[in-house]
Protein backbone atom coordinates (compact mmCIF):
# COMPACT_ATOMS: atom_id res chain seq x y z
CA UNK A 1 -0.07 -0.33 -0.15
CA UNK A 2 1.44 3.32 -1.04
CA UNK A 3 2.11 6.09 1.63
CA UNK A 4 0.15 9.43 1.24
CA UNK A 5 3.71 10.68 0.00
CA UNK A 6 3.63 8.26 -2.36
CA UNK A 7 0.56 8.89 -3.43
CA UNK A 8 0.68 12.78 -3.99
CA UNK A 9 3.86 12.63 -5.88
CA UNK A 10 2.44 10.03 -8.05
CA UNK A 11 -0.75 11.96 -8.83
CA UNK A 12 1.57 14.61 -9.63
CA UNK A 13 3.59 12.87 -11.67
CA UNK A 14 0.78 11.07 -13.87
CA UNK A 15 -0.89 14.57 -14.45
CA UNK A 16 2.48 15.79 -16.11
CA UNK A 17 1.00 15.17 -19.72
CA UNK A 18 -1.98 16.92 -19.26
CA UNK A 19 0.09 20.12 -17.87
CA UNK A 20 2.19 20.37 -20.52
CA UNK A 21 -1.22 20.66 -22.99
CA UNK A 22 -2.72 23.22 -20.39
CA UNK A 23 0.63 25.79 -20.66
CA UNK A 24 -0.27 27.30 -24.19
CA UNK A 25 -4.08 28.02 -23.02
CA UNK A 26 -2.30 29.69 -19.74
CA UNK A 27 0.03 31.57 -21.42
CA UNK A 28 -2.26 32.88 -23.90
CA UNK A 29 -4.75 33.73 -20.88
CA UNK A 30 -2.50 36.02 -19.45
CA UNK A 31 -1.60 37.67 -22.46
CA UNK A 32 -5.42 37.84 -23.32
CA UNK A 33 -6.30 39.39 -19.72
CA UNK A 34 -3.87 42.26 -20.14
CA UNK A 35 -5.00 43.31 -23.38
CA UNK A 36 -8.37 43.10 -22.60
CA UNK A 37 -7.94 45.82 -19.82
CA UNK A 38 -7.50 44.10 -16.64
CA UNK A 39 -4.89 44.82 -14.44
CA UNK A 40 -1.99 42.38 -13.43
CA UNK A 41 -4.11 41.78 -10.39
CA UNK A 42 -7.49 41.31 -11.69
CA UNK A 43 -5.63 38.59 -14.37
CA UNK A 44 -3.74 36.56 -11.54
CA UNK A 45 -6.81 36.75 -9.31
CA UNK A 46 -8.92 34.73 -12.10
CA UNK A 47 -6.30 32.14 -12.55
CA UNK A 48 -5.98 32.14 -8.64
CA UNK A 49 -9.84 32.11 -7.59
CA UNK A 50 -11.46 31.13 -10.69
CA UNK A 51 -9.20 28.15 -11.64
CA UNK A 52 -11.27 27.36 -14.87
CA UNK A 53 -9.94 28.13 -18.03
CA UNK A 54 -12.71 28.27 -20.23
CA UNK A 55 -14.50 30.12 -17.55
CA UNK A 56 -11.89 32.77 -17.31
CA UNK A 57 -11.71 33.26 -21.28
CA UNK A 58 -15.01 34.02 -21.38
CA UNK A 59 -15.11 36.40 -18.28
CA UNK A 60 -12.09 38.43 -19.31
CA UNK A 61 -13.95 38.08 -23.02
CA UNK A 62 -17.29 39.77 -20.95
CA UNK A 63 -15.85 42.06 -19.28
CA UNK A 64 -13.37 43.94 -22.42
CA UNK A 65 -17.22 43.96 -23.86
CA UNK A 66 -18.36 46.02 -21.16
CA UNK A 67 -20.76 43.59 -19.83
CA UNK A 68 -22.14 43.75 -16.02
CA UNK A 69 -20.69 42.28 -13.14
CA UNK A 70 -23.78 39.71 -12.22
CA UNK A 71 -23.99 38.50 -16.32
CA UNK A 72 -20.06 37.60 -16.00
CA UNK A 73 -20.75 35.81 -12.64
CA UNK A 74 -24.02 33.78 -14.05
CA UNK A 75 -22.47 32.99 -17.19
CA UNK A 76 -19.33 31.73 -15.80
CA UNK A 77 -21.53 29.42 -13.74
CA UNK A 78 -23.23 27.92 -16.18
CA UNK A 79 -20.37 27.14 -18.44
CA UNK A 80 -19.07 25.28 -15.09
CA UNK A 81 -22.25 23.24 -14.62
CA UNK A 82 -20.42 20.36 -15.99
CA UNK A 83 -18.21 20.28 -12.46
CA UNK A 84 -21.57 19.12 -10.99
CA UNK A 85 -21.02 15.96 -13.18
CA UNK A 86 -17.76 15.27 -11.91
CA UNK A 87 -18.70 15.70 -8.31
CA UNK A 88 -21.48 13.01 -8.58
CA UNK A 89 -18.98 10.74 -9.61
CA UNK A 90 -16.37 11.72 -6.77
CA UNK A 91 -18.99 11.14 -4.19
CA UNK A 92 -18.88 7.74 -3.39
CA UNK A 93 -14.77 8.17 -2.90
CA UNK A 94 -14.74 10.83 -1.07
CA UNK A 95 -18.02 10.86 1.07
CA UNK A 96 -16.42 9.43 4.25
CA UNK A 97 -13.51 12.09 4.02
CA UNK A 98 -13.80 15.13 6.37
CA UNK A 99 -14.37 18.61 5.69
CA UNK A 100 -11.16 19.58 5.62
CA UNK A 101 -10.40 17.74 2.66
CA UNK A 102 -13.87 17.79 0.78
CA UNK A 103 -13.20 21.53 0.45
CA UNK A 104 -10.37 21.82 -1.37
CA UNK A 105 -11.38 18.51 -3.58
CA UNK A 106 -14.19 20.48 -4.47
CA UNK A 107 -12.03 24.10 -5.09
CA UNK A 108 -9.23 22.18 -6.95
CA UNK A 109 -11.52 20.54 -9.09
CA UNK A 110 -11.22 20.93 -12.99
CA UNK A 111 -11.68 18.33 -16.29
CA UNK A 112 -7.94 17.55 -15.68
CA UNK A 113 -7.95 16.85 -12.23
CA UNK A 114 -10.79 14.62 -11.93
CA UNK A 115 -9.63 12.50 -15.56
CA UNK A 116 -6.26 11.64 -13.45
CA UNK A 117 -7.82 11.07 -10.20
CA UNK A 118 -11.36 9.09 -11.14
CA UNK A 119 -8.77 6.63 -12.76
CA UNK A 120 -6.98 6.28 -9.77
CA UNK A 121 -9.87 5.80 -7.67
CA UNK A 122 -11.47 3.28 -10.29
CA UNK A 123 -8.13 0.88 -9.21
CA UNK A 124 -9.15 -2.26 -7.62
CA UNK A 125 -6.56 -1.67 -4.59
CA UNK A 126 -6.90 -0.84 -0.87
CA UNK A 127 -5.00 2.28 -0.53
CA UNK A 128 -6.47 4.56 1.98
CA UNK A 129 -4.55 7.35 0.52
CA UNK A 130 -6.18 8.18 -3.16
CA UNK A 131 -7.27 11.46 -2.12
CA UNK A 132 -3.58 12.25 -1.61
CA UNK A 133 -2.86 11.11 -5.12
CA UNK A 134 -5.64 13.72 -6.23
CA UNK A 135 -4.08 16.66 -4.06
CA UNK A 136 -0.95 16.10 -6.00
CA UNK A 137 -2.05 16.00 -9.41
CA UNK A 138 -4.58 18.78 -8.63
CA UNK A 139 -1.78 21.07 -6.89
CA UNK A 140 0.62 20.39 -9.61
CA UNK A 141 -1.89 21.73 -11.91
CA UNK A 142 -3.11 24.74 -9.90
CA UNK A 143 0.63 25.79 -9.75
CA UNK A 144 1.40 25.52 -13.67
CA UNK A 145 -1.77 27.45 -14.23
CA UNK A 146 -0.62 30.10 -11.86
CA UNK A 147 2.67 30.07 -13.48
CA UNK A 148 1.66 30.06 -17.04
CA UNK A 149 -0.96 32.82 -16.62
CA UNK A 150 2.13 35.18 -14.82
CA UNK A 151 4.40 33.99 -17.81
CA UNK A 152 1.77 34.92 -20.22
CA UNK A 153 1.08 38.42 -18.75
CA UNK A 154 5.19 38.97 -18.63
CA UNK A 155 6.28 38.04 -21.78
CA UNK A 156 2.87 37.48 -24.10
CA UNK A 157 2.76 41.22 -24.69
CA UNK A 158 6.05 40.69 -26.51
CA UNK A 159 4.61 38.52 -29.07
CA UNK A 160 2.80 40.14 -32.13
CA UNK A 161 -0.81 38.83 -32.04
CA UNK A 162 -0.25 35.35 -30.30
CA UNK A 163 -3.82 34.41 -29.89
CA UNK A 164 -3.40 34.26 -34.08
CA UNK A 165 -0.81 31.15 -33.31
CA UNK A 166 -3.62 28.81 -32.58
CA UNK A 167 -1.87 27.47 -29.34
CA UNK A 168 -4.70 27.03 -27.52
CA UNK A 169 -5.66 23.89 -29.86
CA UNK A 170 -2.92 21.96 -27.30
CA UNK A 171 -5.92 21.91 -25.07
CA UNK A 172 -8.18 20.44 -27.17
CA UNK A 173 -5.53 17.78 -27.99
CA UNK A 174 -5.07 17.50 -24.32
CA UNK A 175 -8.90 16.64 -23.75
CA UNK A 176 -9.21 14.04 -26.78
CA UNK A 177 -6.23 12.36 -24.85
CA UNK A 178 -7.86 12.43 -21.56
CA UNK A 179 -11.22 10.91 -23.21
CA UNK A 180 -9.91 8.15 -25.28
CA UNK A 181 -8.44 5.85 -22.51
CA UNK A 182 -12.01 5.49 -20.92
CA UNK A 183 -13.52 4.48 -24.31
CA UNK A 184 -14.06 0.92 -23.73
CA UNK A 185 -17.31 -0.10 -24.31
CA UNK A 186 -20.39 0.50 -27.45
CA UNK A 187 -22.48 2.81 -25.01
CA UNK A 188 -19.00 4.98 -24.08
CA UNK A 189 -18.45 5.32 -27.90
CA UNK A 190 -21.97 6.08 -28.80
CA UNK A 191 -21.83 8.98 -25.85
CA UNK A 192 -18.84 10.39 -27.05
CA UNK A 193 -19.93 10.48 -30.71
CA UNK A 194 -23.51 12.01 -29.49
CA UNK A 195 -21.78 15.09 -27.65
CA UNK A 196 -19.24 15.45 -29.89
CA UNK A 197 -22.19 16.50 -32.68
CA UNK A 198 -24.28 17.94 -30.42
CA UNK A 199 -21.39 20.13 -29.37
CA UNK A 200 -20.82 20.77 -33.10
CA UNK A 201 -24.25 21.59 -34.31
CA UNK A 202 -24.99 23.73 -30.71
CA UNK A 203 -21.97 25.59 -31.22
CA UNK A 204 -23.14 29.27 -32.15
CA UNK A 205 -25.66 29.17 -28.55
CA UNK A 206 -24.66 32.22 -26.54
CA UNK A 207 -22.41 31.98 -23.53
CA UNK A 208 -21.14 28.51 -24.74
CA UNK A 209 -24.33 26.53 -23.18
CA UNK A 210 -23.91 24.32 -26.38
CA UNK A 211 -21.38 22.70 -24.18
CA UNK A 212 -23.91 21.68 -21.43
CA UNK A 213 -26.67 20.67 -24.13
CA UNK A 214 -23.81 18.40 -25.40
CA UNK A 215 -23.03 17.03 -22.19
CA UNK A 216 -27.16 16.16 -21.54
CA UNK A 217 -27.09 14.51 -25.05
CA UNK A 218 -24.54 12.35 -24.61
CA UNK A 219 -25.19 11.18 -21.26
CA UNK A 220 -28.83 10.61 -22.49
CA UNK A 221 -27.52 8.74 -25.43
CA UNK A 222 -25.04 6.31 -23.36
CA UNK A 223 -27.43 5.14 -20.69
CA UNK A 224 -30.27 4.83 -23.05
CA UNK A 225 -27.95 2.77 -25.65
CA UNK A 226 -26.56 0.49 -22.37
CA UNK A 227 -30.23 -0.32 -21.82
CA UNK A 228 -30.45 -1.70 -25.24
CA UNK A 229 -27.30 -3.40 -25.83
CA UNK A 230 -27.57 -4.95 -22.23
CA UNK A 231 -30.95 -5.05 -21.29
């Protein structure tokens, strides 16, 4: 059985490929934050407190467009609703933990930390310290996000029109790499195909609502196909 320290460093190590994919995303956010009129403190504050890439990009664009604070908060809340799905999946594994653990687990929950942690939780060993694995992965990702944002603020403005370089595509590749290992059954494949198709069709919906619609459609398709295939 791994010790807490061993679990922690294993999580930090295993999340490294996802960290590499997130670096360009953080760099671009740091650049956009400053160029959109946010102060250095405001840009860093979004990364430190919100810690959700897609929501931060939306917030910056809305702030630059002069949107009201309430609308910005509501929109980012809607975009982050997918985290409810992640939370439900983690509940069976963390419900026994004290509140002092549940709070940081909730705060550090991202697409990447969830993808890494759920794989560890589903492994059939009797380790009592898998939450330390989650913490190691989450803290590594969080530290990287802050560093990337700072680097984007400091260096990004020196790169002419950095947003046109398409570096944010690295995050799309990262997400694909996160999903593929979990596609082990036909219902899973169907769920991904449906979610992807709906996401493309609903791309024009305001405030990124297409993401939530796609998630609901994918889950529904997966559940329905599971019932048909396996009775």
